[in-house]
Structure formats: structure tokens, C-alpha cells
C-alpha atoms as a PDB file:
ATOM      1  CA  MET A   1      69.993  20.754  79.437  1.00  0.00           C
ATOM      2  CA  TRP A   2      72.248  19.955  82.416  1.00  0.00           C
ATOM      3  CA  ALA A   3      69.110  19.361  84.487  1.00  0.00           C
ATOM      4  CA  TYR A   4      68.101  16.631  82.009  1.00  0.00           C
ATOM      5  CA  VAL A   5      71.543  15.074  81.542  1.00  0.00           C
ATOM      6  CA  GLU A   6      72.799  14.918  85.135  1.00  0.00           C
ATOM      7  CA  PRO A   7      70.109  12.508  86.453  1.00  0.00           C
ATOM      8  CA  VAL A   8      70.805  10.058  83.601  1.00  0.00           C
ATOM      9  CA  HIS A   9      74.485   9.979  84.524  1.00  0.00           C
ATOM     10  CA  ALA A  10      73.812   9.922  88.271  1.00  0.00           C
ATOM     11  CA  VAL A  11      72.300   6.434  88.332  1.00  0.00           C
ATOM     12  CA  THR A  12      75.909   5.251  88.623  1.00  0.00           C
ATOM     13  CA  TYR A  13      76.012   6.855  92.099  1.00  0.00           C
ATOM     14  CA  LEU A  14      72.434   6.312  93.246  1.00  0.00           C
ATOM     15  CA  HIS A  15      71.129   2.948  92.069  1.00  0.00           C
ATOM     16  CA  PRO A  16      71.812  -0.332  93.915  1.00  0.00           C
ATOM     17  CA  ARG A  17      72.397  -2.099  90.576  1.00  0.00           C
ATOM     18  CA  ALA A  18      75.367   0.186  89.941  1.00  0.00           C
ATOM     19  CA  ARG A  19      76.773  -0.483  93.400  1.00  0.00           C
ATOM     20  CA  ALA A  20      76.369  -4.251  92.903  1.00  0.00           C
ATOM     21  CA  ALA A  21      78.224  -4.127  89.574  1.00  0.00           C
ATOM     22  CA  TYR A  22      81.228  -2.489  91.216  1.00  0.00           C
ATOM     23  CA  GLU A  23      81.160  -4.964  94.081  1.00  0.00           C
ATOM     24  CA  ALA A  24      81.096  -7.847  91.609  1.00  0.00           C
ATOM     25  CA  VAL A  25      84.581  -6.872  90.372  1.00  0.00           C
ATOM     26  CA  GLY A  26      85.947  -6.406  93.885  1.00  0.00           C
ATOM     27  CA  LEU A  27      85.220  -2.709  94.478  1.00  0.00           C
ATOM     28  CA  ARG A  28      83.376  -3.035  97.772  1.00  0.00           C
ATOM     29  CA  GLY A  29      82.352   0.116  99.566  1.00  0.00           C
ATOM     30  CA  TYR A  30      80.727   3.151  97.980  1.00  0.00           C
ATOM     31  CA  TRP A  31      83.846   5.314  97.666  1.00  0.00           C
ATOM     32  CA  ARG A  32      85.984   2.606  96.066  1.00  0.00           C
ATOM     33  CA  GLY A  33      83.394   2.280  93.317  1.00  0.00           C
ATOM     34  CA  TYR A  34      83.059   6.048  93.003  1.00  0.00           C
ATOM     35  CA  PHE A  35      86.746   6.889  92.697  1.00  0.00           C
ATOM     36  CA  ALA A  36      87.577   3.881  90.537  1.00  0.00           C
ATOM     37  CA  GLY A  37      84.532   4.265  88.284  1.00  0.00           C
ATOM     38  CA  ARG A  38      84.843   7.973  87.716  1.00  0.00           C
ATOM     39  CA  SER A  39      88.604   7.971  87.193  1.00  0.00           C
ATOM     40  CA  ALA A  40      88.844   4.733  85.146  1.00  0.00           C
ATOM     41  CA  PRO A  41      88.674   6.590  81.784  1.00  0.00           C
ATOM     42  CA  LEU A  42      92.026   8.149  82.760  1.00  0.00           C
ATOM     43  CA  GLY A  43      93.658   4.731  83.204  1.00  0.00           C
ATOM     44  CA  ALA A  44      95.435   3.435  86.308  1.00  0.00           C
ATOM     45  CA  THR A  45      96.213   6.901  87.543  1.00  0.00           C
ATOM     46  CA  GLU A  46      97.695   7.958  90.858  1.00  0.00           C
ATOM     47  CA  ALA A  47      95.768  10.205  93.229  1.00  0.00           C
ATOM     48  CA  ALA A  48      97.197  13.604  92.217  1.00  0.00           C
ATOM     49  CA  PRO A  49      95.445  14.022  88.830  1.00  0.00           C
ATOM     50  CA  VAL A  50      92.158  12.868  90.371  1.00  0.00           C
ATOM     51  CA  ILE A  51      92.453  15.321  93.267  1.00  0.00           C
ATOM     52  CA  ALA A  52      92.891  18.073  90.684  1.00  0.00           C
ATOM     53  CA  ALA A  53      90.177  16.942  88.264  1.00  0.00           C
ATOM     54  CA  PHE A  54      87.480  16.029  90.816  1.00  0.00           C
ATOM     55  CA  PHE A  55      88.288  19.303  92.652  1.00  0.00           C
ATOM     56  CA  ASN A  56      86.079  19.089  95.735  1.00  0.00           C
ATOM     57  CA  PHE A  57      87.489  16.102  97.647  1.00  0.00           C
ATOM     58  CA  ALA A  58      90.071  16.469 100.396  1.00  0.00           C
ATOM     59  CA  PRO A  59      93.379  14.961  99.192  1.00  0.00           C
ATOM     60  CA  PRO A  60      93.613  12.352 102.008  1.00  0.00           C
ATOM     61  CA  MET A  61      90.207  10.975 101.002  1.00  0.00           C
ATOM     62  CA  VAL A  62      91.372  10.419  97.429  1.00  0.00           C
ATOM     63  CA  THR A  63      94.729   8.932  98.407  1.00  0.00           C
ATOM     64  CA  ARG A  64      92.970   6.325 100.551  1.00  0.00           C
ATOM     65  CA  ALA A  65      91.307   5.027  97.369  1.00  0.00           C
ATOM     66  CA  LEU A  66      93.943   5.618  94.695  1.00  0.00           C
ATOM     67  CA  PRO A  67      96.000   3.894  93.446  1.00  0.00           C
ATOM     68  CA  ALA A  68      94.949   1.026  95.768  1.00  0.00           C
ATOM     69  CA  VAL A  69      91.702   0.355  93.853  1.00  0.00           C
ATOM     70  CA  TRP A  70      93.688  -0.780  90.811  1.00  0.00           C
ATOM     71  CA  ARG A  71      94.898  -3.782  92.799  1.00  0.00           C
ATOM     72  CA  LEU A  72      91.240  -4.811  93.130  1.00  0.00           C
ATOM     73  CA  ALA A  73      90.075  -4.140  89.576  1.00  0.00           C
ATOM     74  CA  THR A  74      91.801  -2.840  86.465  1.00  0.00           C
ATOM     75  CA  PRO A  75      90.490   0.297  84.761  1.00  0.00           C
ATOM     76  CA  GLN A  76      89.123  -1.888  81.954  1.00  0.00           C
ATOM     77  CA  GLU A  77      87.241  -4.119  84.416  1.00  0.00           C
ATOM     78  CA  THR A  78      85.986  -1.033  86.214  1.00  0.00           C
ATOM     79  CA  LEU A  79      84.729   0.561  83.004  1.00  0.00           C
ATOM     80  CA  ARG A  80      82.806  -2.606  82.124  1.00  0.00           C
ATOM     81  CA  ALA A  81      81.325  -2.699  85.622  1.00  0.00           C
ATOM     82  CA  ARG A  82      80.247   0.927  85.616  1.00  0.00           C
ATOM     83  CA  LEU A  83      78.558   0.613  82.213  1.00  0.00           C
ATOM     84  CA  THR A  84      76.888  -2.673  83.185  1.00  0.00           C
ATOM     85  CA  GLY A  85      75.566  -1.184  86.417  1.00  0.00           C
ATOM     86  CA  ALA A  86      74.358   1.996  84.738  1.00  0.00           C
ATOM     87  CA  VAL A  87      72.559   0.085  81.980  1.00  0.00           C
ATOM     88  CA  GLN A  88      70.896  -2.234  84.489  1.00  0.00           C
ATOM     89  CA  ALA A  89      69.812   0.761  86.533  1.00  0.00           C
ATOM     90  CA  LEU A  90      68.402   2.586  83.518  1.00  0.00           C
ATOM     91  CA  ALA A  91      66.649  -0.598  82.389  1.00  0.00           C
ATOM     92  CA  GLU A  92      64.688  -0.590  85.658  1.00  0.00           C
ATOM     93  CA  LEU A  93      63.780   3.072  85.186  1.00  0.00           C
ATOM     94  CA  THR A  94      62.747   2.789  81.544  1.00  0.00           C
ATOM     95  CA  TYR A  95      61.060  -0.620  81.237  1.00  0.00           C
ATOM     96  CA  GLU A  96      57.760   1.009  80.247  1.00  0.00           C
ATOM     97  CA  LEU A  97      59.313   3.059  77.436  1.00  0.00           C
ATOM     98  CA  PRO A  98      59.453   1.617  73.908  1.00  0.00           C
ATOM     99  CA  GLU A  99      62.815   0.829  72.330  1.00  0.00           C
ATOM    100  CA  SER A 100      62.211   3.504  69.690  1.00  0.00           C
ATOM    101  CA  HIS A 101      61.922   6.150  72.441  1.00  0.00           C
ATOM    102  CA  LEU A 102      65.270   5.139  73.964  1.00  0.00           C
ATOM    103  CA  ALA A 103      67.008   4.866  70.588  1.00  0.00           C
ATOM    104  CA  GLU A 104      65.890   8.351  69.543  1.00  0.00           C
ATOM    105  CA  ALA A 105      67.037   9.819  72.866  1.00  0.00           C
ATOM    106  CA  ALA A 106      70.403   8.064  72.532  1.00  0.00           C
ATOM    107  CA  ASP A 107      70.834   9.320  68.960  1.00  0.00           C
ATOM    108  CA  LEU A 108      70.198  12.939  69.953  1.00  0.00           C
ATOM    109  CA  LEU A 109      72.341  12.771  73.070  1.00  0.00           C
ATOM    110  CA  GLU A 110      75.208  11.240  71.093  1.00  0.00           C
ATOM    111  CA  ARG A 111      74.934  14.033  68.527  1.00  0.00           C
ATOM    112  CA  ALA A 112      75.301  16.600  71.298  1.00  0.00           C
ATOM    113  CA  ALA A 113      78.185  14.716  72.947  1.00  0.00           C
ATOM    114  CA  SER A 114      80.055  14.389  69.654  1.00  0.00           C
ATOM    115  CA  ALA A 115      80.086  18.198  69.416  1.00  0.00           C
ATOM    116  CA  ALA A 116      81.699  18.662  72.834  1.00  0.00           C
ATOM    117  CA  GLN A 117      84.946  20.604  72.556  1.00  0.00           C
ATOM    118  CA  THR A 118      87.315  18.785  74.897  1.00  0.00           C
ATOM    119  CA  ALA A 119      90.512  20.861  74.767  1.00  0.00           C
ATOM    120  CA  GLY A 120      91.422  21.669  78.368  1.00  0.00           C
ATOM    121  CA  ARG A 121      88.715  19.311  79.708  1.00  0.00           C
ATOM    122  CA  VAL A 122      90.423  16.212  81.023  1.00  0.00           C
ATOM    123  CA  LEU A 123      87.430  14.187  82.258  1.00  0.00           C
ATOM    124  CA  GLY A 124      85.259  15.212  79.339  1.00  0.00           C
ATOM    125  CA  ALA A 125      87.964  14.215  76.869  1.00  0.00           C
ATOM    126  CA  ALA A 126      88.671  10.883  78.567  1.00  0.00           C
ATOM    127  CA  ASN A 127      84.997   9.928  78.448  1.00  0.00           C
ATOM    128  CA  ALA A 128      84.537  11.169  74.880  1.00  0.00           C
ATOM    129  CA  ALA A 129      87.370   8.847  73.805  1.00  0.00           C
ATOM    130  CA  LEU A 130      85.627   5.703  75.093  1.00  0.00           C
ATOM    131  CA  PRO A 131      83.940   3.389  72.571  1.00  0.00           C
ATOM    132  CA  LEU A 132      80.279   4.058  71.864  1.00  0.00           C
ATOM    133  CA  GLY A 133      77.873   1.538  73.343  1.00  0.00           C
ATOM    134  CA  GLU A 134      76.092  -1.006  71.192  1.00  0.00           C
ATOM    135  CA  TYR A 135      72.603  -0.655  72.674  1.00  0.00           C
ATOM    136  CA  PRO A 136      70.423   2.406  73.309  1.00  0.00           C
ATOM    137  CA  LEU A 137      70.772   2.490  77.108  1.00  0.00           C
ATOM    138  CA  ALA A 138      74.548   2.083  76.965  1.00  0.00           C
ATOM    139  CA  ARG A 139      74.772   4.809  74.328  1.00  0.00           C
ATOM    140  CA  LEU A 140      72.435   7.042  76.321  1.00  0.00           C
ATOM    141  CA  TRP A 141      74.401   6.716  79.541  1.00  0.00           C
ATOM    142  CA  GLN A 142      77.828   7.150  77.951  1.00  0.00           C
ATOM    143  CA  ALA A 143      76.751  10.275  76.045  1.00  0.00           C
ATOM    144  CA  ALA A 144      75.188  11.751  79.188  1.00  0.00           C
ATOM    145  CA  THR A 145      78.389  11.008  81.104  1.00  0.00           C
ATOM    146  CA  THR A 146      80.589  12.668  78.486  1.00  0.00           C
ATOM    147  CA  LEU A 147      78.412  15.788  78.552  1.00  0.00           C
ATOM    148  CA  ARG A 148      78.246  15.788  82.334  1.00  0.00           C
ATOM    149  CA  GLU A 149      82.032  15.595  82.744  1.00  0.00           C
ATOM    150  CA  HIS A 150      82.527  18.140  79.939  1.00  0.00           C
ATOM    151  CA  ARG A 151      80.340  20.593  81.856  1.00  0.00           C
ATOM    152  CA  GLY A 152      82.042  19.718  85.132  1.00  0.00           C
ATOM    153  CA  ASP A 153      85.481  20.482  83.713  1.00  0.00           C
ATOM    154  CA  GLY A 154      84.226  23.901  82.633  1.00  0.00           C
ATOM    155  CA  HIS A 155      82.708  24.493  86.072  1.00  0.00           C
ATOM    156  CA  VAL A 156      86.030  23.754  87.760  1.00  0.00           C
ATOM    157  CA  ALA A 157      87.740  26.208  85.419  1.00  0.00           C
ATOM    158  CA  ALA A 158      85.167  28.876  86.325  1.00  0.00           C
ATOM    159  CA  LEU A 159      85.680  28.250  90.046  1.00  0.00           C
ATOM    160  CA  VAL A 160      89.457  28.501  89.698  1.00  0.00           C
ATOM    161  CA  ALA A 161      89.117  31.719  87.689  1.00  0.00           C
ATOM    162  CA  ALA A 162      86.915  33.139  90.458  1.00  0.00           C
ATOM    163  CA  GLY A 163      89.622  32.364  93.023  1.00  0.00           C
ATOM    164  CA  LEU A 164      87.626  29.742  94.917  1.00  0.00           C
ATOM    165  CA  ASP A 165      89.360  26.713  96.366  1.00  0.00           C
ATOM    166  CA  PRO A 166      87.573  23.373  96.846  1.00  0.00           C
ATOM    167  CA  VAL A 167      86.637  23.734 100.502  1.00  0.00           C
ATOM    168  CA  GLU A 168      85.474  27.342 100.005  1.00  0.00           C
ATOM    169  CA  THR A 169      83.270  26.190  97.147  1.00  0.00           C
ATOM    170  CA  LEU A 170      81.653  23.513  99.305  1.00  0.00           C
ATOM    171  CA  ALA A 171      81.263  25.858 102.282  1.00  0.00           C
ATOM    172  CA  TRP A 172      79.535  28.343  99.980  1.00  0.00           C
ATOM    173  CA  ARG A 173      77.114  25.704  98.684  1.00  0.00           C
ATOM    174  CA  VAL A 174      76.305  24.619 102.237  1.00  0.00           C
ATOM    175  CA  ALA A 175      75.468  28.224 103.107  1.00  0.00           C
ATOM    176  CA  LEU A 176      73.685  29.075  99.844  1.00  0.00           C
ATOM    177  CA  ASP A 177      71.515  25.977  99.493  1.00  0.00           C
ATOM    178  CA  GLY A 178      71.026  25.150 103.169  1.00  0.00           C
ATOM    179  CA  LEU A 179      72.709  21.794 102.655  1.00  0.00           C
ATOM    180  CA  PRO A 180      73.732  19.715 105.666  1.00  0.00           C
ATOM    181  CA  ALA A 181      77.328  20.096 106.794  1.00  0.00           C
ATOM    182  CA  GLN A 182      77.793  16.440 105.825  1.00  0.00           C
ATOM    183  CA  TYR A 183      77.784  17.623 102.204  1.00  0.00           C
ATOM    184  CA  LEU A 184      81.168  19.162 102.944  1.00  0.00           C
ATOM    185  CA  LEU A 185      82.479  16.907 105.710  1.00  0.00           C
ATOM    186  CA  GLY A 186      81.524  13.810 103.707  1.00  0.00           C
ATOM    187  CA  ARG A 187      84.115  14.815 101.115  1.00  0.00           C
ATOM    188  CA  GLY A 188      86.924  14.486 103.630  1.00  0.00           C
ATOM    189  CA  TRP A 189      87.372  18.049 104.870  1.00  0.00           C
ATOM    190  CA  THR A 190      87.648  18.585 108.619  1.00  0.00           C
ATOM    191  CA  GLU A 191      85.517  20.838 110.778  1.00  0.00           C
ATOM    192  CA  GLU A 192      88.531  23.123 111.203  1.00  0.00           C
ATOM    193  CA  GLN A 193      89.036  23.394 107.429  1.00  0.00           C
ATOM    194  CA  TRP A 194      85.339  24.168 106.981  1.00  0.00           C
ATOM    195  CA  GLN A 195      85.401  26.922 109.592  1.00  0.00           C
ATOM    196  CA  ALA A 196      88.557  28.429 108.080  1.00  0.00           C
ATOM    197  CA  ALA A 197      86.921  28.440 104.633  1.00  0.00           C
ATOM    198  CA  ARG A 198      83.829  30.166 106.035  1.00  0.00           C
ATOM    199  CA  GLU A 199      86.050  32.821 107.607  1.00  0.00           C
ATOM    200  CA  ARG A 200      87.747  33.412 104.259  1.00  0.00           C
ATOM    201  CA  LEU A 201      84.333  33.813 102.616  1.00  0.00           C
ATOM    202  CA  VAL A 202      83.348  36.321 105.310  1.00  0.00           C
ATOM    203  CA  ARG A 203      86.523  38.341 104.662  1.00  0.00           C
ATOM    204  CA  ARG A 204      85.834  38.285 100.954  1.00  0.00           C
ATOM    205  CA  GLY A 205      82.291  39.588 101.511  1.00  0.00           C
ATOM    206  CA  TRP A 206      80.432  36.458 100.391  1.00  0.00           C
ATOM    207  CA  LEU A 207      79.087  35.528 103.820  1.00  0.00           C
ATOM    208  CA  THR A 208      77.930  37.571 106.801  1.00  0.00           C
ATOM    209  CA  ALA A 209      79.553  37.006 110.185  1.00  0.00           C
ATOM    210  CA  ASP A 210      76.801  34.517 111.075  1.00  0.00           C
ATOM    211  CA  GLY A 211      77.326  32.545 107.845  1.00  0.00           C
ATOM    212  CA  ALA A 212      74.480  33.839 105.659  1.00  0.00           C
ATOM    213  CA  PRO A 213      75.110  34.513 101.940  1.00  0.00           C
ATOM    214  CA  THR A 214      75.424  38.192 101.031  1.00  0.00           C
ATOM    215  CA  GLU A 215      74.038  39.789  97.893  1.00  0.00           C
ATOM    216  CA  HIS A 216      77.619  40.365  96.760  1.00  0.00           C
ATOM    217  CA  GLY A 217      78.394  36.678  97.209  1.00  0.00           C
ATOM    218  CA  ARG A 218      75.261  35.644  95.338  1.00  0.00           C
ATOM    219  CA  ALA A 219      76.105  37.943  92.430  1.00  0.00           C
ATOM    220  CA  GLU A 220      79.718  36.755  92.279  1.00  0.00           C
ATOM    221  CA  PHE A 221      78.736  33.097  92.314  1.00  0.00           C
ATOM    222  CA  GLN A 222      76.048  33.669  89.701  1.00  0.00           C
ATOM    223  CA  SER A 223      78.821  34.838  87.395  1.00  0.00           C
ATOM    224  CA  VAL A 224      80.561  31.477  88.006  1.00  0.00           C
ATOM    225  CA  GLU A 225      77.355  29.660  87.051  1.00  0.00           C
ATOM    226  CA  ASP A 226      76.896  31.853  83.984  1.00  0.00           C
ATOM    227  CA  ASN A 227      80.467  31.182  82.865  1.00  0.00           C
ATOM    228  CA  THR A 228      79.903  27.455  83.384  1.00  0.00           C
ATOM    229  CA  ASP A 229      76.775  27.541  81.236  1.00  0.00           C
ATOM    230  CA  ARG A 230      78.504  29.502  78.483  1.00  0.00           C
ATOM    231  CA  ALA A 231      81.399  27.044  78.450  1.00  0.00           C
ATOM    232  CA  ALA A 232      78.957  24.126  78.205  1.00  0.00           C
ATOM    233  CA  ALA A 233      76.740  25.600  75.487  1.00  0.00           C
ATOM    234  CA  HIS A 234      78.482  24.488  72.281  1.00  0.00           C
ATOM    235  CA  PRO A 235      77.009  20.942  72.122  1.00  0.00           C
ATOM    236  CA  TRP A 236      73.498  22.350  72.509  1.00  0.00           C
ATOM    237  CA  ARG A 237      74.008  25.124  69.973  1.00  0.00           C
ATOM    238  CA  THR A 238      75.195  22.434  67.578  1.00  0.00           C
ATOM    239  CA  LEU A 239      72.202  20.210  68.292  1.00  0.00           C
ATOM    240  CA  GLY A 240      69.887  23.198  67.846  1.00  0.00           C
ATOM    241  CA  PRO A 241      66.747  24.299  69.705  1.00  0.00           C
ATOM    242  CA  GLU A 242      64.311  21.992  67.924  1.00  0.00           C
ATOM    243  CA  HIS A 243      66.299  18.834  68.593  1.00  0.00           C
ATOM    244  CA  SER A 244      67.163  19.992  72.123  1.00  0.00           C
ATOM    245  CA  ASP A 245      63.468  20.456  72.879  1.00  0.00           C
ATOM    246  CA  ARG A 246      62.750  16.996  71.507  1.00  0.00           C
ATOM    247  CA  LEU A 247      65.521  15.516  73.635  1.00  0.00           C
ATOM    248  CA  ARG A 248      64.092  17.114  76.779  1.00  0.00           C
ATOM    249  CA  GLU A 249      60.744  15.543  75.923  1.00  0.00           C
ATOM    250  CA  LEU A 250      62.315  12.124  75.563  1.00  0.00           C
ATOM    251  CA  LEU A 251      64.439  12.390  78.709  1.00  0.00           C
ATOM    252  CA  GLU A 252      61.763  13.769  81.026  1.00  0.00           C
ATOM    253  CA  PRO A 253      60.249  10.419  82.154  1.00  0.00           C
ATOM    254  CA  ILE A 254      63.743   8.989  82.710  1.00  0.00           C
ATOM    255  CA  VAL A 255      64.837  12.039  84.661  1.00  0.00           C
ATOM    256  CA  ARG A 256      61.776  12.028  86.915  1.00  0.00           C
ATOM    257  CA  SER A 257      62.447   8.387  87.771  1.00  0.00           C
ATOM    258  CA  GLY A 258      66.075   9.305  88.453  1.00  0.00           C
ATOM    259  CA  HIS A 259      65.033  12.000  90.922  1.00  0.00           C
ATOM    260  CA  ALA A 260      62.969   9.428  92.807  1.00  0.00           C
ATOM    261  CA  LEU A 261      66.185   7.481  93.533  1.00  0.00           C
ATOM    262  CA  VAL A 262      67.660  10.203  95.738  1.00  0.00           C
ATOM    263  CA  PRO A 263      67.131   9.149  99.366  1.00  0.00           C
ATOM    264  CA  GLU A 264      66.075  11.687 101.978  1.00  0.00           C
ATOM    265  CA  GLY A 265      69.098  13.413 103.472  1.00  0.00           C
ATOM    266  CA  SER A 266      71.397  12.299 100.641  1.00  0.00           C
ATOM    267  CA  VAL A 267      74.488  14.415  99.989  1.00  0.00           C
ATOM    268  CA  VAL A 268      74.074  13.625  96.275  1.00  0.00           C
ATOM    269  CA  GLY A 269      71.953  16.382  94.811  1.00  0.00           C
ATOM    270  CA  LEU A 270      70.301  16.669  91.404  1.00  0.00           C
ATOM    271  CA  PRO A 271      69.359  19.905  89.652  1.00  0.00           C
ATOM    272  CA  ALA A 272      65.660  20.698  89.653  1.00  0.00           C
ATOM    273  CA  LEU A 273      63.886  20.348  86.342  1.00  0.00           C
ATOM    274  CA  PRO A 274      62.927  23.712  84.807  1.00  0.00           C
ATOM    275  CA  GLY A 275      59.307  24.561  85.420  1.00  0.00           C
END
């Protein structure tokens, strides 16, 4: 289900309409919009809670954006901008779909999101507390975002329990998925920090001396992914298999359009659709 929810949420990072909406309220530059938009449900927070909750960004990168962004746009203005941009983006992706299709998808996604257990999940809880949208695309995006952040909070907990720090996690993904180093360096970590993290992963038996993933590392990280999935399962158990299957059907054309937004070489990845 994550593979179907993540691309709906991700239009806020990938679509030019979303970027334009942030710029319209004074949040010029990609990272200002990102940090303000994603943290706005928490209010006008300082950098420290965001460093902790977002997990994989180097602290200096976050402190360059926060709390300075709140002098450009309030959290309330930012929330309006992010929803406006996301709805405009989804409108472009779904213009051929009938209103009934979008309304049914929004209804099912909201039912799943309403079942999300948010204790211990700061970003999931903050998004779940926002008002529901009035129109299908607003409802669809907000529900997808709540579920996405709910899952992300659980993933961070699984990483912490596995003893992985942020830069080690990114260095592992670079090695495992063959991602460009910019995936890690673009989040503010230095080359020296990356190399030190790789060395720690070698000592722990996750990487070989030349930086290739070991079978031990793959097995250990699979347990992190399995724990993440288990922690994210309650909304889908509540929705049930029949309604979950129907939701996948409804989301598939939207998700395929969302995948087409990812530019070649982008450090923003989307999970592959099953099958």
C-alpha cells in the first residue's frame, strides 16, 4: 500500500505547481518549501525537533532553513500553500478521471488514515490532526500524507532500534540501491561523514571493504523493512483486503502519472509498483 500512497503525497516535492504555490507565499528555493511545508503541521518549530523527526538531514542543513522560514510565511500560510499546490498538481494528473473515481478513492484513503495509531508518531499525529479537505483531491492528498508520515515515523523507530544513525542509513541505501552519492550529499552530509559512515558499516559487517552490501547487511536491513511494514499495517488491516484492493485499483492511474514526474537523475525516489 505504501507503493500506492507515496506517489500521491510526493507531488508536493515533484510537481512545478507545488513549487509555485510555495513561492507565492515567499518560500523561494526548493529546500525552503520542503522544510517549511513538511514541518508546518508542527507549528513554528525550531530546528531541533525537525532534525529528529526528519532523521536523514544533516543538522546544519535544517538550521539554515528553520526557524528562518517562519519570517517568510507562517505555518498556516504554508499549510494553505502546500495543499493548494498539491491539489493543483493532482488536478493535472487526474483530469481524465471522473469525479466519482476521485471521491471513492478519497473516501477509502480517509478511512485508512482515520485508523492510523499515532502514539509515538509525531509527524503522523500532526498531519492526522489537520482539518479534512472539502474536495476529493484535497481529501485524497491529506489522507495520503497522513499515512505516509505515519509510516515514516515507524521507519525511523525501526532504524533507531537497529542502531543505525542517519548518515549510516543513507550510506547503506547508496550502496544497496546503487543510488548516486548526491542522494546522501544532497542532504547536507560531507564526503568525510559519508566515508566514516561507510567504514562503520564495514566494521559492522554490512558492507565489504570495497563498499558492496553483504548478505548479513541485507538480512539485517530486511528486518528493518519488515518491522516498518508491521508498524504501518494497522490502517490497512482496518480497511480490509477487499477495500484495499479496490483502493489500489483506483490509485493506479494516479500513481503511474506520479512516477512520470520523477526527472532522470532525481534524488527523490518512489517505490516501484508491485508487479
